[in-house]
């Protein structure tokens, strides 16, 4: 066979690099030979043997194996007459991430437990198209989030300048508003495109009672039977995601008179949430509609006074509500999950009361304090109530915080800026690839249990190793199809390496790295790594490929994050994504996962 080459132009001459032919690694060749008993053709019976013995798909039937083989052959040899694989067919199958994916693609968790038993895919300021200071507000990022499986949408409600309509915007900033009606209609149309399970809308309410009447009428008209309204006599447990399929739930803090009439206790609001600045104030169109084209590179500086750090305020009614005004009953009736207010008595706020659970919001800093000082109380609280954790106000560029600490303590709603990107958001994507990407992930049983002395899970305690995960990184492919020849290096093919980060409870955190494969678009590593895990249920495997650069920072070449509890054993195709979490068309790794 004639060799093929890449040519890279130097200043006065061309450099020639031989193109590596994509071929099966030794483990793949050995598996094929073992399952076919040395034959050159793999029959459906042989393939079934591979799926059972190597891939641990124990319930595979001969019909299942044959059906899968036919799907593969139709792609590569559409005129096939005999249902059998050559080694090349078998190798091509292993690289098909839709047919040989690393995690299950279907909903498979128990969806009949109460709603607070689940981690829920949650957005922060879901209407913002960019940074937190002067980007546009729009229904478009809401639609994008819903279509990615996000199940909690946040809307901040403010009166318009005439105080006769409702805008959605980030208060006390220069963000341009969008009409509430536009947001609600978009939610109705796109809520259940990706997932059938309920969408929760958290409202940060800065409205007058009259405008709340309009909100109630608008939500009732737009959502109709989709809108979940709790009935008198409902039991103390929240309904399950299964019971709430295709339903939309509103969550906000009930008005003061409602709290007083029901003798509800005052609760916690993160100590650094936005205070109201003045009586009857609201960010009018005039305030927010001008001078929005400034350079945002320095947005993190000198904004704390303007933003009134932090950026959340679920007690906004005081700013626009006059004494004696009462919120209409129809507004109160559509609140499906009551949000609680919190003061600085953090431990008191985390006491588990009687009656139906509620939702408490706290900033990432408050979470850190609660986890450090009252970790057990926090875990216990989340067994019955919702905790929502939001980014601190200084994250003006829409960056995100690491979500693991919140999940380890049972917090269901870890709010992320979905329009941003970065390693913390990659972890969020990884967690919610679980359970078929439906936006609800059942919390591990140990987070919902209490011992005989009311003791609960403590992530700081190092437990014995429960499982060991062995990961083999065989090879990668697809960069030459998705990137230009000179994208990584002007004068030579790329030098790829793979890093793996295990994130989870402190005892499980570690990282590994392959060797650098020089001058090759199809790197072959064939390296095995071992990860002992004490709490595999909360572990995420973050995989990042980079291109080594001697003189500059190493170039990004793809990433993914996978929930360890969902990993399928065997040789699997791992599709990689760009920094924003969008899947590359062709770039994949071939890896093997073995649990011991």
Protein backbone atom coordinates (compact mmCIF):
# COMPACT_ATOMS: atom_id res chain seq x y z
CA UNK A 1 0.00 0.00 0.00
CA UNK A 2 1.26 3.47 -0.89
CA UNK A 3 1.93 5.67 2.13
CA UNK A 4 0.05 8.97 2.58
CA UNK A 5 1.65 12.10 4.01
CA UNK A 6 0.82 15.48 5.54
CA UNK A 7 2.89 18.37 4.17
CA UNK A 8 3.66 21.42 6.33
CA UNK A 9 5.23 24.44 4.67
CA UNK A 10 8.28 25.88 6.39
CA UNK A 11 9.94 29.16 5.39
CA UNK A 12 11.99 27.72 2.52
CA UNK A 13 11.00 24.03 2.37
CA UNK A 14 8.20 21.55 3.06
CA UNK A 15 8.17 19.09 5.94
CA UNK A 16 6.67 15.67 5.25
CA UNK A 17 4.88 13.61 7.95
CA UNK A 18 3.52 10.14 7.37
CA UNK A 19 -0.22 9.82 8.05
CA UNK A 20 -0.96 7.14 10.63
CA UNK A 21 -3.51 4.64 9.43
CA UNK A 22 -6.36 4.12 11.89
CA UNK A 23 -6.17 0.51 13.00
CA UNK A 24 -7.49 -1.49 15.96
CA UNK A 25 -5.42 -1.49 19.15
CA UNK A 26 -4.19 -4.91 20.32
CA UNK A 27 -7.01 -5.31 22.90
CA UNK A 28 -9.63 -4.90 20.15
CA UNK A 29 -7.90 -7.42 17.89
CA UNK A 30 -7.59 -9.86 20.80
CA UNK A 31 -11.27 -9.46 21.74
CA UNK A 32 -12.33 -10.12 18.14
CA UNK A 33 -10.12 -13.19 17.90
CA UNK A 34 -11.28 -14.52 21.28
CA UNK A 35 -15.01 -14.14 20.53
CA UNK A 36 -14.74 -15.63 17.01
CA UNK A 37 -12.45 -18.48 18.13
CA UNK A 38 -9.88 -17.25 15.62
CA UNK A 39 -12.26 -16.95 12.68
CA UNK A 40 -11.99 -13.94 10.32
CA UNK A 41 -15.76 -13.33 10.47
CA UNK A 42 -17.83 -12.41 13.55
CA UNK A 43 -21.34 -13.91 13.50
CA UNK A 44 -24.29 -12.62 15.57
CA UNK A 45 -23.58 -15.39 18.08
CA UNK A 46 -19.92 -14.30 18.32
CA UNK A 47 -20.98 -10.67 18.68
CA UNK A 48 -23.41 -11.57 21.44
CA UNK A 49 -20.54 -13.27 23.25
CA UNK A 50 -18.52 -10.04 23.01
CA UNK A 51 -21.42 -7.92 24.33
CA UNK A 52 -21.93 -10.24 27.30
CA UNK A 53 -18.34 -11.07 28.25
CA UNK A 54 -16.54 -7.83 27.40
CA UNK A 55 -19.26 -5.18 27.54
CA UNK A 56 -21.15 -6.73 30.49
CA UNK A 57 -24.50 -6.43 28.66
CA UNK A 58 -25.71 -9.67 30.25
CA UNK A 59 -29.28 -9.59 28.97
CA UNK A 60 -28.37 -9.38 25.29
CA UNK A 61 -30.21 -11.93 23.12
CA UNK A 62 -29.11 -13.26 19.75
CA UNK A 63 -31.82 -11.12 18.14
CA UNK A 64 -30.48 -8.02 19.92
CA UNK A 65 -26.97 -8.75 18.64
CA UNK A 66 -28.16 -9.35 15.08
CA UNK A 67 -30.26 -6.17 15.06
CA UNK A 68 -27.28 -4.10 16.22
CA UNK A 69 -24.99 -5.66 13.62
CA UNK A 70 -27.49 -4.88 10.86
CA UNK A 71 -27.63 -1.23 11.93
CA UNK A 72 -23.84 -1.03 11.66
CA UNK A 73 -23.63 -2.85 8.33
CA UNK A 74 -26.31 -0.66 6.77
CA UNK A 75 -24.04 2.35 7.45
CA UNK A 76 -20.82 0.94 6.04
CA UNK A 77 -21.90 -1.80 3.60
CA UNK A 78 -25.54 -1.05 2.68
CA UNK A 79 -25.67 -3.90 0.13
CA UNK A 80 -24.47 -6.58 2.55
CA UNK A 81 -25.98 -10.04 2.19
CA UNK A 82 -24.40 -11.85 5.15
CA UNK A 83 -24.84 -10.52 8.70
CA UNK A 84 -21.24 -10.79 9.88
CA UNK A 85 -18.44 -8.44 10.90
CA UNK A 86 -14.88 -8.35 9.64
CA UNK A 87 -12.31 -6.99 12.09
CA UNK A 88 -12.60 -3.63 10.31
CA UNK A 89 -16.42 -3.64 10.66
CA UNK A 90 -16.07 -4.50 14.35
CA UNK A 91 -13.55 -1.69 14.89
CA UNK A 92 -15.82 0.82 13.12
CA UNK A 93 -18.70 -0.25 15.36
CA UNK A 94 -16.66 0.41 18.49
CA UNK A 95 -16.16 4.04 17.38
CA UNK A 96 -19.90 4.68 16.88
CA UNK A 97 -20.85 6.69 19.98
CA UNK A 98 -24.59 6.47 19.27
CA UNK A 99 -24.50 2.65 19.25
CA UNK A 100 -21.60 2.10 21.65
CA UNK A 101 -22.07 4.98 24.08
CA UNK A 102 -20.32 5.14 27.48
CA UNK A 103 -23.52 5.77 29.50
CA UNK A 104 -27.18 4.70 29.07
CA UNK A 105 -29.24 6.94 26.82
CA UNK A 106 -32.61 6.11 28.42
CA UNK A 107 -34.27 7.21 31.67
CA UNK A 108 -33.63 4.37 34.13
CA UNK A 109 -33.78 5.87 37.65
CA UNK A 110 -36.83 5.42 39.89
CA UNK A 111 -38.91 8.50 39.09
CA UNK A 112 -41.65 7.87 41.67
CA UNK A 113 -39.96 9.35 44.77
CA UNK A 114 -40.88 12.84 46.04
CA UNK A 115 -39.39 15.71 44.04
CA UNK A 116 -36.82 16.68 46.66
CA UNK A 117 -35.15 13.25 46.28
CA UNK A 118 -33.55 14.39 43.01
CA UNK A 119 -30.75 16.60 41.82
CA UNK A 120 -32.38 18.93 39.27
CA UNK A 121 -30.69 20.61 36.30
CA UNK A 122 -30.89 24.30 37.27
CA UNK A 123 -30.18 27.56 35.45
CA UNK A 124 -29.28 30.94 36.93
CA UNK A 125 -30.66 34.19 35.47
CA UNK A 126 -31.87 32.03 32.59
CA UNK A 127 -32.89 34.99 30.43
CA UNK A 128 -29.40 36.52 30.03
CA UNK A 129 -27.60 36.13 26.72
CA UNK A 130 -24.15 36.97 28.12
CA UNK A 131 -22.63 38.69 31.13
CA UNK A 132 -24.56 39.72 34.24
CA UNK A 133 -24.08 43.47 33.76
CA UNK A 134 -25.05 44.73 30.31
CA UNK A 135 -26.02 41.82 28.09
CA UNK A 136 -29.45 41.47 26.51
CA UNK A 137 -32.34 39.70 28.21
CA UNK A 138 -34.12 37.34 25.83
CA UNK A 139 -36.25 34.22 25.58
CA UNK A 140 -33.56 32.61 23.37
CA UNK A 141 -31.23 31.39 26.20
CA UNK A 142 -34.31 30.01 27.99
CA UNK A 143 -35.20 27.99 24.89
CA UNK A 144 -31.61 26.76 24.53
CA UNK A 145 -31.49 25.69 28.18
CA UNK A 146 -34.78 23.80 27.99
CA UNK A 147 -33.70 22.01 24.82
CA UNK A 148 -30.54 20.89 26.65
CA UNK A 149 -32.62 19.36 29.44
CA UNK A 150 -32.49 22.16 32.04
CA UNK A 151 -35.53 21.81 34.32
CA UNK A 152 -35.28 24.92 36.55
CA UNK A 153 -35.59 28.32 34.88
CA UNK A 154 -35.07 31.55 36.83
CA UNK A 155 -36.97 34.75 35.96
CA UNK A 156 -36.50 38.10 37.73
CA UNK A 157 -39.75 40.10 37.59
CA UNK A 158 -39.79 43.91 37.66
CA UNK A 159 -42.41 46.55 36.79
CA UNK A 160 -41.85 48.36 33.52
CA UNK A 161 -41.27 52.13 33.57
CA UNK A 162 -45.02 52.83 33.43
CA UNK A 163 -45.62 50.30 36.22
CA UNK A 164 -48.42 48.71 34.19
CA UNK A 165 -46.50 45.77 32.74
CA UNK A 166 -43.93 43.15 33.72
CA UNK A 167 -40.38 42.93 32.51
CA UNK A 168 -37.80 40.20 33.04
CA UNK A 169 -34.32 41.61 33.67
CA UNK A 170 -31.37 41.58 36.05
CA UNK A 171 -32.17 44.36 38.50
CA UNK A 172 -29.86 47.34 39.08
CA UNK A 173 -27.78 46.58 35.98
CA UNK A 174 -27.77 47.77 32.37
CA UNK A 175 -29.30 44.59 30.97
CA UNK A 176 -32.08 45.21 28.44
CA UNK A 177 -35.48 43.76 29.43
CA UNK A 178 -37.68 41.14 27.79
CA UNK A 179 -41.43 40.84 28.33
CA UNK A 180 -42.59 38.20 30.81
CA UNK A 181 -45.27 37.00 28.39
CA UNK A 182 -42.61 36.23 25.78
CA UNK A 183 -40.62 34.15 28.29
CA UNK A 184 -43.66 32.19 29.50
CA UNK A 185 -44.82 31.40 25.96
CA UNK A 186 -41.34 30.16 25.06
CA UNK A 187 -41.30 27.95 28.15
CA UNK A 188 -44.70 26.50 27.21
CA UNK A 189 -43.53 25.70 23.67
CA UNK A 190 -40.14 24.19 24.53
CA UNK A 191 -40.48 22.84 28.08
CA UNK A 192 -40.94 19.21 27.11
CA UNK A 193 -39.02 18.90 23.83
CA UNK A 194 -36.03 17.22 25.50
CA UNK A 195 -37.63 15.81 28.68
CA UNK A 196 -41.17 14.99 29.82
CA UNK A 197 -40.39 15.74 33.46
CA UNK A 198 -41.57 18.91 35.23
CA UNK A 199 -40.15 22.37 34.67
CA UNK A 200 -39.81 24.59 37.75
CA UNK A 201 -39.80 28.36 37.28
CA UNK A 202 -38.20 30.22 40.18
CA UNK A 203 -39.46 33.80 40.36
CA UNK A 204 -37.52 36.66 41.92
CA UNK A 205 -40.54 38.90 42.53
CA UNK A 206 -40.19 42.71 42.70
CA UNK A 207 -43.81 43.44 41.76
CA UNK A 208 -46.76 45.32 43.21
CA UNK A 209 -49.88 43.33 44.18
CA UNK A 210 -51.66 44.66 41.08
CA UNK A 211 -48.94 43.30 38.82
CA UNK A 212 -49.01 39.98 40.64
CA UNK A 213 -52.65 39.74 39.57
CA UNK A 214 -51.42 40.09 35.99
CA UNK A 215 -48.78 37.40 36.54
CA UNK A 216 -51.41 34.99 37.85
CA UNK A 217 -53.72 35.67 34.90
CA UNK A 218 -50.86 35.41 32.40
CA UNK A 219 -49.50 32.14 33.82
CA UNK A 220 -52.96 30.59 34.03
CA UNK A 221 -53.82 31.59 30.46
CA UNK A 222 -50.50 30.60 28.88
CA UNK A 223 -49.90 27.33 30.74
CA UNK A 224 -53.48 26.18 31.23
CA UNK A 225 -53.63 22.62 32.55
CA UNK A 226 -49.82 22.43 32.51
CA UNK A 227 -49.67 24.69 35.59
CA UNK A 228 -49.36 22.78 38.86
CA UNK A 229 -51.43 24.31 41.66
CA UNK A 230 -51.28 22.59 45.05
CA UNK A 231 -54.67 21.77 46.53
CA UNK A 232 -55.82 22.08 50.13
CA UNK A 233 -55.39 18.77 51.87
CA UNK A 234 -52.35 17.68 49.81
CA UNK A 235 -50.01 15.61 51.95
CA UNK A 236 -46.70 16.92 53.24
CA UNK A 237 -44.61 15.18 50.58
CA UNK A 238 -44.02 16.79 47.21
CA UNK A 239 -45.35 14.79 44.25
CA UNK A 240 -42.86 12.74 42.20
CA UNK A 241 -41.39 13.67 38.81
CA UNK A 242 -43.47 10.84 37.34
CA UNK A 243 -46.68 12.34 38.74
CA UNK A 244 -45.67 15.79 37.52
CA UNK A 245 -44.81 14.87 33.93
CA UNK A 246 -45.63 17.71 31.51
CA UNK A 247 -46.37 20.07 34.42
CA UNK A 248 -44.94 23.50 35.13
CA UNK A 249 -44.34 24.55 38.75
CA UNK A 250 -43.89 28.10 39.97
CA UNK A 251 -41.68 28.72 42.99
CA UNK A 252 -41.33 32.01 44.82
CA UNK A 253 -41.59 33.48 48.29
CA UNK A 254 -45.24 33.93 49.35
CA UNK A 255 -46.25 37.53 50.19
CA UNK A 256 -45.93 38.67 53.80
CA UNK A 257 -49.62 38.56 54.57
CA UNK A 258 -49.72 34.94 53.42
CA UNK A 259 -46.83 34.08 55.71
CA UNK A 260 -48.45 35.82 58.63
CA UNK A 261 -51.87 34.28 58.11
CA UNK A 262 -50.39 30.82 57.96
CA UNK A 263 -47.99 31.52 60.82
CA UNK A 264 -45.06 30.46 58.68
CA UNK A 265 -41.69 30.94 60.26
CA UNK A 266 -39.23 33.42 58.81
CA UNK A 267 -36.37 31.64 57.13
CA UNK A 268 -32.97 32.30 55.66
CA UNK A 269 -31.96 34.34 52.68
CA UNK A 270 -28.30 34.42 51.86
CA UNK A 271 -26.76 37.26 53.75
CA UNK A 272 -25.25 38.71 50.61
CA UNK A 273 -28.35 38.89 48.42
CA UNK A 274 -29.45 42.17 46.87
CA UNK A 275 -31.09 44.56 49.34
CA UNK A 276 -33.80 46.91 48.12
CA UNK A 277 -32.30 50.33 47.63
CA UNK A 278 -35.20 52.73 48.07
CA UNK A 279 -38.93 52.95 48.53
CA UNK A 280 -40.90 52.23 45.35
CA UNK A 281 -37.71 51.86 43.33
CA UNK A 282 -37.45 49.81 40.21
CA UNK A 283 -34.91 49.68 37.37
CA UNK A 284 -36.82 51.61 34.74
CA UNK A 285 -36.33 51.40 31.00
CA UNK A 286 -34.52 54.74 31.12
CA UNK A 287 -32.07 53.44 33.72
CA UNK A 288 -31.17 50.26 31.91
CA UNK A 289 -31.64 51.09 28.27
CA UNK A 290 -28.63 53.28 27.49
CA UNK A 291 -24.92 52.96 26.91
CA UNK A 292 -24.73 49.19 26.56
CA UNK A 293 -21.85 48.82 24.13
CA UNK A 294 -19.00 49.32 26.57
CA UNK A 295 -16.01 47.08 26.90
CA UNK A 296 -16.86 44.28 29.38
CA UNK A 297 -13.29 43.11 29.93
CA UNK A 298 -13.12 44.88 33.30
CA UNK A 299 -16.62 43.99 34.49
CA UNK A 300 -15.35 42.20 37.57
CA UNK A 301 -13.77 45.40 38.90
CA UNK A 302 -15.43 48.20 40.87
CA UNK A 303 -18.94 46.81 40.43
CA UNK A 304 -19.67 45.61 43.92
CA UNK A 305 -21.33 48.87 44.94
CA UNK A 306 -23.42 49.06 41.77
CA UNK A 307 -24.47 45.42 41.91
CA UNK A 308 -25.18 45.48 45.66
CA UNK A 309 -23.44 42.11 46.01
CA UNK A 310 -24.84 39.48 45.79
CA UNK A 311 -27.25 39.24 42.91
CA UNK A 312 -30.28 37.49 44.36
CA UNK A 313 -33.30 38.87 46.15
CA UNK A 314 -36.36 36.76 46.76
CA UNK A 315 -37.78 39.29 49.19
CA UNK A 316 -38.22 42.03 46.61
CA UNK A 317 -41.83 42.92 47.34
CA UNK A 318 -40.85 45.56 49.89
CA UNK A 319 -39.53 47.85 47.17
CA UNK A 320 -42.78 48.15 45.25
CA UNK A 321 -45.49 47.33 47.76
CA UNK A 322 -47.33 50.04 49.66
CA UNK A 323 -48.60 49.51 53.21
CA UNK A 324 -52.05 47.93 53.30
CA UNK A 325 -51.83 46.43 49.80
CA UNK A 326 -52.55 42.72 49.67
CA UNK A 327 -51.53 40.19 47.08
CA UNK A 328 -54.49 38.58 45.29
CA UNK A 329 -55.40 35.06 46.26
CA UNK A 330 -55.08 33.79 42.68
CA UNK A 331 -51.35 34.63 42.76
CA UNK A 332 -50.81 32.79 46.03
CA UNK A 333 -52.66 29.74 44.72
CA UNK A 334 -50.30 29.21 41.78
CA UNK A 335 -47.16 29.02 43.95
CA UNK A 336 -46.30 25.33 43.80
CA UNK A 337 -43.11 25.43 45.88
CA UNK A 338 -42.78 28.08 48.58
CA UNK A 339 -39.42 29.79 48.76
CA UNK A 340 -38.22 30.68 52.22
CA UNK A 341 -36.47 33.80 53.38
CA UNK A 342 -33.30 33.51 55.37
CA UNK A 343 -31.53 35.69 57.81
CA UNK A 344 -28.08 35.31 59.30
CA UNK A 345 -29.15 32.60 61.75
CA UNK A 346 -27.97 29.91 59.35
CA UNK A 347 -28.31 26.94 61.65
CA UNK A 348 -31.82 27.96 62.66
CA UNK A 349 -32.76 28.25 59.00
CA UNK A 350 -31.62 24.66 58.42
CA UNK A 351 -33.88 23.21 61.08
CA UNK A 352 -36.36 20.75 59.62
CA UNK A 353 -39.86 21.91 60.50
CA UNK A 354 -43.20 20.18 60.29
CA UNK A 355 -45.52 20.46 57.32
CA UNK A 356 -44.67 20.61 53.65
CA UNK A 357 -41.10 21.29 52.60
CA UNK A 358 -39.92 24.53 51.06
CA UNK A 359 -37.10 25.94 48.98
CA UNK A 360 -34.25 27.92 50.51
CA UNK A 361 -31.76 29.84 48.35
CA UNK A 362 -28.19 30.58 49.37
CA UNK A 363 -25.11 31.94 47.66
CA UNK A 364 -22.04 29.82 47.01
CA UNK A 365 -20.29 31.53 49.95
CA UNK A 366 -23.18 30.74 52.28
CA UNK A 367 -23.08 27.13 51.07
CA UNK A 368 -19.39 26.93 51.97
CA UNK A 369 -20.12 28.27 55.46
CA UNK A 370 -23.09 25.91 55.92
CA UNK A 371 -21.05 22.91 54.75
CA UNK A 372 -18.14 23.80 57.00
CA UNK A 373 -20.09 24.64 60.16
CA UNK A 374 -23.40 22.79 59.83
CA UNK A 375 -22.79 20.07 57.23
CA UNK A 376 -24.99 17.45 58.92
CA UNK A 377 -27.83 19.95 59.38
CA UNK A 378 -27.62 20.83 55.70
CA UNK A 379 -27.82 17.19 54.59
CA UNK A 380 -30.70 16.56 56.98
CA UNK A 381 -32.53 19.67 55.73
CA UNK A 382 -32.30 18.58 52.08
CA UNK A 383 -33.96 15.26 52.87
CA UNK A 384 -37.28 17.09 53.10
CA UNK A 385 -36.66 20.57 51.64
CA UNK A 386 -35.09 22.06 48.54
CA UNK A 387 -31.84 23.99 48.64
CA UNK A 388 -30.94 26.18 45.69
CA UNK A 389 -27.37 27.49 45.48
CA UNK A 390 -26.57 30.43 43.19
CA UNK A 391 -23.31 32.02 41.97
CA UNK A 392 -21.88 34.96 43.91
CA UNK A 393 -22.54 38.43 42.54
CA UNK A 394 -18.94 39.08 41.55
CA UNK A 395 -19.25 36.47 38.78
CA UNK A 396 -20.20 39.29 36.43
CA UNK A 397 -18.82 37.50 33.38
CA UNK A 398 -21.27 34.61 33.99
CA UNK A 399 -18.65 32.19 35.28
CA UNK A 400 -19.70 29.35 37.58
CA UNK A 401 -18.67 27.70 40.85
CA UNK A 402 -17.80 24.04 41.37
CA UNK A 403 -21.05 22.17 42.09
CA UNK A 404 -19.68 19.12 43.93
CA UNK A 405 -19.79 20.60 47.44
CA UNK A 406 -23.50 21.35 47.03
CA UNK A 407 -24.31 17.89 45.68
CA UNK A 408 -22.32 16.19 48.45
CA UNK A 409 -24.62 17.91 50.96
CA UNK A 410 -27.83 17.05 49.10
CA UNK A 411 -28.57 20.44 47.48
CA UNK A 412 -31.01 19.75 44.67
CA UNK A 413 -30.78 22.98 42.65
CA UNK A 414 -27.22 24.07 41.88
CA UNK A 415 -27.83 27.11 39.66
CA UNK A 416 -25.42 27.64 36.78
CA UNK A 417 -25.00 30.33 34.16
CA UNK A 418 -25.77 28.15 31.14
CA UNK A 419 -24.62 30.84 28.69
CA UNK A 420 -21.09 30.66 30.13
CA UNK A 421 -18.49 27.95 29.83
CA UNK A 422 -15.64 26.47 31.81
CA UNK A 423 -14.65 23.50 33.94
CA UNK A 424 -17.43 23.98 36.51
CA UNK A 425 -20.08 23.96 33.78
CA UNK A 426 -18.48 20.84 32.28
CA UNK A 427 -19.14 19.10 35.61
CA UNK A 428 -22.75 20.25 35.48
CA UNK A 429 -23.08 18.82 31.98
CA UNK A 430 -21.50 15.58 33.20
CA UNK A 431 -23.86 15.09 36.14
CA UNK A 432 -26.93 15.67 33.99
CA UNK A 433 -25.87 13.29 31.25
CA UNK A 434 -27.10 10.79 33.86
CA UNK A 435 -30.52 9.19 33.63
CA UNK A 436 -30.91 9.69 29.91
CA UNK A 437 -30.34 13.45 30.15
CA UNK A 438 -33.87 14.02 31.45
CA UNK A 439 -32.77 16.73 33.93
CA UNK A 440 -33.56 14.73 37.09
CA UNK A 441 -30.96 12.52 38.78
CA UNK A 442 -32.00 10.43 41.76
CA UNK A 443 -29.92 11.30 44.79
CA UNK A 444 -27.92 8.37 46.26
CA UNK A 445 -29.85 6.60 49.01
CA UNK A 446 -27.24 7.51 51.63
CA UNK A 447 -28.12 11.21 51.23
CA UNK A 448 -31.74 10.45 52.09
CA UNK A 449 -31.10 8.17 55.09
CA UNK A 450 -30.63 8.90 58.77
CA UNK A 451 -29.06 6.51 61.25
CA UNK A 452 -30.45 5.39 64.63
CA UNK A 453 -28.95 8.49 66.26
CA UNK A 454 -30.13 10.79 63.46
CA UNK A 455 -26.65 10.77 61.92
CA UNK A 456 -26.36 11.47 58.19
CA UNK A 457 -23.77 11.22 55.44
CA UNK A 458 -20.61 13.24 56.09
CA UNK A 459 -18.45 13.79 52.96
CA UNK A 460 -15.48 14.77 55.12
CA UNK A 461 -15.23 11.26 56.59
CA UNK A 462 -12.97 8.98 54.55
CA UNK A 463 -14.76 5.70 53.88
CA UNK A 464 -13.29 2.37 52.71
CA UNK A 465 -12.79 1.93 48.96
CA UNK A 466 -16.10 0.70 47.54
CA UNK A 467 -15.12 0.22 43.89
CA UNK A 468 -12.02 0.51 41.75
CA UNK A 469 -12.37 1.86 38.24
CA UNK A 470 -9.75 0.88 35.67
CA UNK A 471 -9.64 3.12 32.61
CA UNK A 472 -7.69 2.31 29.46
CA UNK A 473 -7.15 5.15 27.01
CA UNK A 474 -6.54 3.44 23.67
CA UNK A 475 -6.58 6.16 21.02
CA UNK A 476 -8.29 9.20 19.56
CA UNK A 477 -9.49 10.21 16.12
CA UNK A 478 -11.46 12.87 14.24
CA UNK A 479 -9.38 16.01 14.78
CA UNK A 480 -8.21 16.06 11.16
CA UNK A 481 -11.87 16.23 10.10
CA UNK A 482 -13.02 18.92 12.55
CA UNK A 483 -9.93 21.17 12.57
CA UNK A 484 -7.74 22.75 9.89
CA UNK A 485 -4.31 21.23 9.26
CA UNK A 486 -2.55 24.15 10.95
CA UNK A 487 -5.01 24.73 13.82
CA UNK A 488 -2.74 23.25 16.52
CA UNK A 489 0.69 23.74 14.94
CA UNK A 490 1.67 25.66 11.83
CA UNK A 491 4.68 23.48 11.00
CA UNK A 492 3.81 19.94 12.13
CA UNK A 493 0.95 17.62 13.11
CA UNK A 494 -0.33 17.94 16.70
CA UNK A 495 1.19 16.43 19.85
CA UNK A 496 -1.85 15.17 21.78
CA UNK A 497 -2.15 13.95 25.36
CA UNK A 498 -5.13 13.12 27.58
CA UNK A 499 -5.69 14.20 31.19
CA UNK A 500 -8.29 12.61 33.44
CA UNK A 501 -9.61 14.21 36.60
CA UNK A 502 -11.65 12.25 39.12
CA UNK A 503 -13.84 14.66 41.08
CA UNK A 504 -16.13 13.80 43.97
CA UNK A 505 -15.72 13.53 47.74
CA UNK A 506 -12.26 14.71 48.87
CA UNK A 507 -10.89 11.17 49.28
CA UNK A 508 -11.65 10.34 45.63
CA UNK A 509 -10.13 13.41 43.97
CA UNK A 510 -7.14 12.64 41.75
CA UNK A 511 -5.78 13.21 38.25
CA UNK A 512 -3.87 11.15 35.67
CA UNK A 513 -2.13 11.95 32.40
CA UNK A 514 -1.09 9.97 29.33
CA UNK A 515 2.19 10.42 27.54
CA UNK A 516 2.40 12.94 24.70
CA UNK A 517 2.11 11.40 21.23
CA UNK A 518 4.14 13.59 18.89
CA UNK A 519 3.28 14.62 15.33
CA UNK A 520 0.16 12.47 14.92
CA UNK A 521 -3.47 13.32 14.12
CA UNK A 522 -4.49 9.83 15.32
CA UNK A 523 -2.75 9.44 18.70
CA UNK A 524 -2.43 5.91 20.09
CA UNK A 525 -1.73 5.78 23.84
CA UNK A 526 -2.74 2.29 25.06
CA UNK A 527 -2.34 3.32 28.70
CA UNK A 528 -4.27 2.03 31.72
CA UNK A 529 -5.07 4.02 34.88
CA UNK A 530 -6.62 3.00 38.20
CA UNK A 531 -9.04 5.06 40.31
CA UNK A 532 -9.97 3.72 43.80
CA UNK A 533 -13.36 5.18 44.78
CA UNK A 534 -14.92 5.49 48.23
CA UNK A 535 -18.15 7.18 47.04
CA UNK A 536 -18.56 6.26 43.33
CA UNK A 537 -22.16 7.49 43.39
CA UNK A 538 -20.96 11.12 43.52
CA UNK A 539 -17.85 10.76 41.33
CA UNK A 540 -17.42 12.39 37.92
CA UNK A 541 -14.67 11.49 35.43
CA UNK A 542 -13.57 14.63 33.60
CA UNK A 543 -11.56 13.94 30.43
CA UNK A 544 -9.60 16.68 28.66
CA UNK A 545 -7.40 16.32 25.57
CA UNK A 546 -4.75 18.96 24.93
CA UNK A 547 -2.07 19.56 22.35
CA UNK A 548 1.38 20.02 23.84
CA UNK A 549 3.07 23.29 22.94
CA UNK A 550 6.68 23.88 23.96
CA UNK A 551 6.66 27.67 23.70
CA UNK A 552 3.06 28.58 24.60
CA UNK A 553 0.11 27.34 26.64
CA UNK A 554 -1.09 23.90 25.57
CA UNK A 555 -4.01 24.06 23.15
CA UNK A 556 -7.45 22.74 24.05
CA UNK A 557 -8.49 19.78 21.86
CA UNK A 558 -11.72 18.53 23.47
CA UNK A 559 -13.38 17.56 26.73
CA UNK A 560 -16.15 15.55 28.27
CA UNK A 561 -17.34 14.71 31.76
CA UNK A 562 -19.01 11.41 32.64
CA UNK A 563 -20.86 10.28 35.78
CA UNK A 564 -18.99 7.26 37.14
CA UNK A 565 -22.17 5.67 38.51
CA UNK A 566 -23.53 5.53 34.93
CA UNK A 567 -20.43 4.26 33.13
CA UNK A 568 -20.98 1.11 31.08
CA UNK A 569 -18.22 -1.48 31.33
CA UNK A 570 -16.26 -2.43 28.25
CA UNK A 571 -14.67 -0.77 25.23
CA UNK A 572 -16.61 2.42 24.48
CA UNK A 573 -16.60 5.38 22.13
CA UNK A 574 -16.28 8.72 23.97
CA UNK A 575 -17.39 11.78 21.99
CA UNK A 576 -15.61 15.00 22.91
CA UNK A 577 -17.05 18.51 23.18
CA UNK A 578 -15.80 22.06 22.78
CA UNK A 579 -15.36 24.50 25.66
CA UNK A 580 -19.05 25.46 25.56
CA UNK A 581 -20.12 21.83 25.83
CA UNK A 582 -21.14 21.46 22.19
CA UNK A 583 -20.33 18.05 20.75
CA UNK A 584 -17.69 17.87 18.02
CA UNK A 585 -18.87 16.22 14.85
CA UNK A 586 -16.02 13.70 14.57
CA UNK A 587 -13.62 13.88 17.53
CA UNK A 588 -13.76 10.78 19.76
CA UNK A 589 -11.66 8.68 22.08
CA UNK A 590 -11.71 4.90 22.30
CA UNK A 591 -11.51 3.84 25.95
CA UNK A 592 -12.24 0.85 28.17
CA UNK A 593 -13.88 0.88 31.61
CA UNK A 594 -13.59 -2.01 34.06
CA UNK A 595 -15.04 -2.00 37.60
CA UNK A 596 -13.54 -4.17 40.32
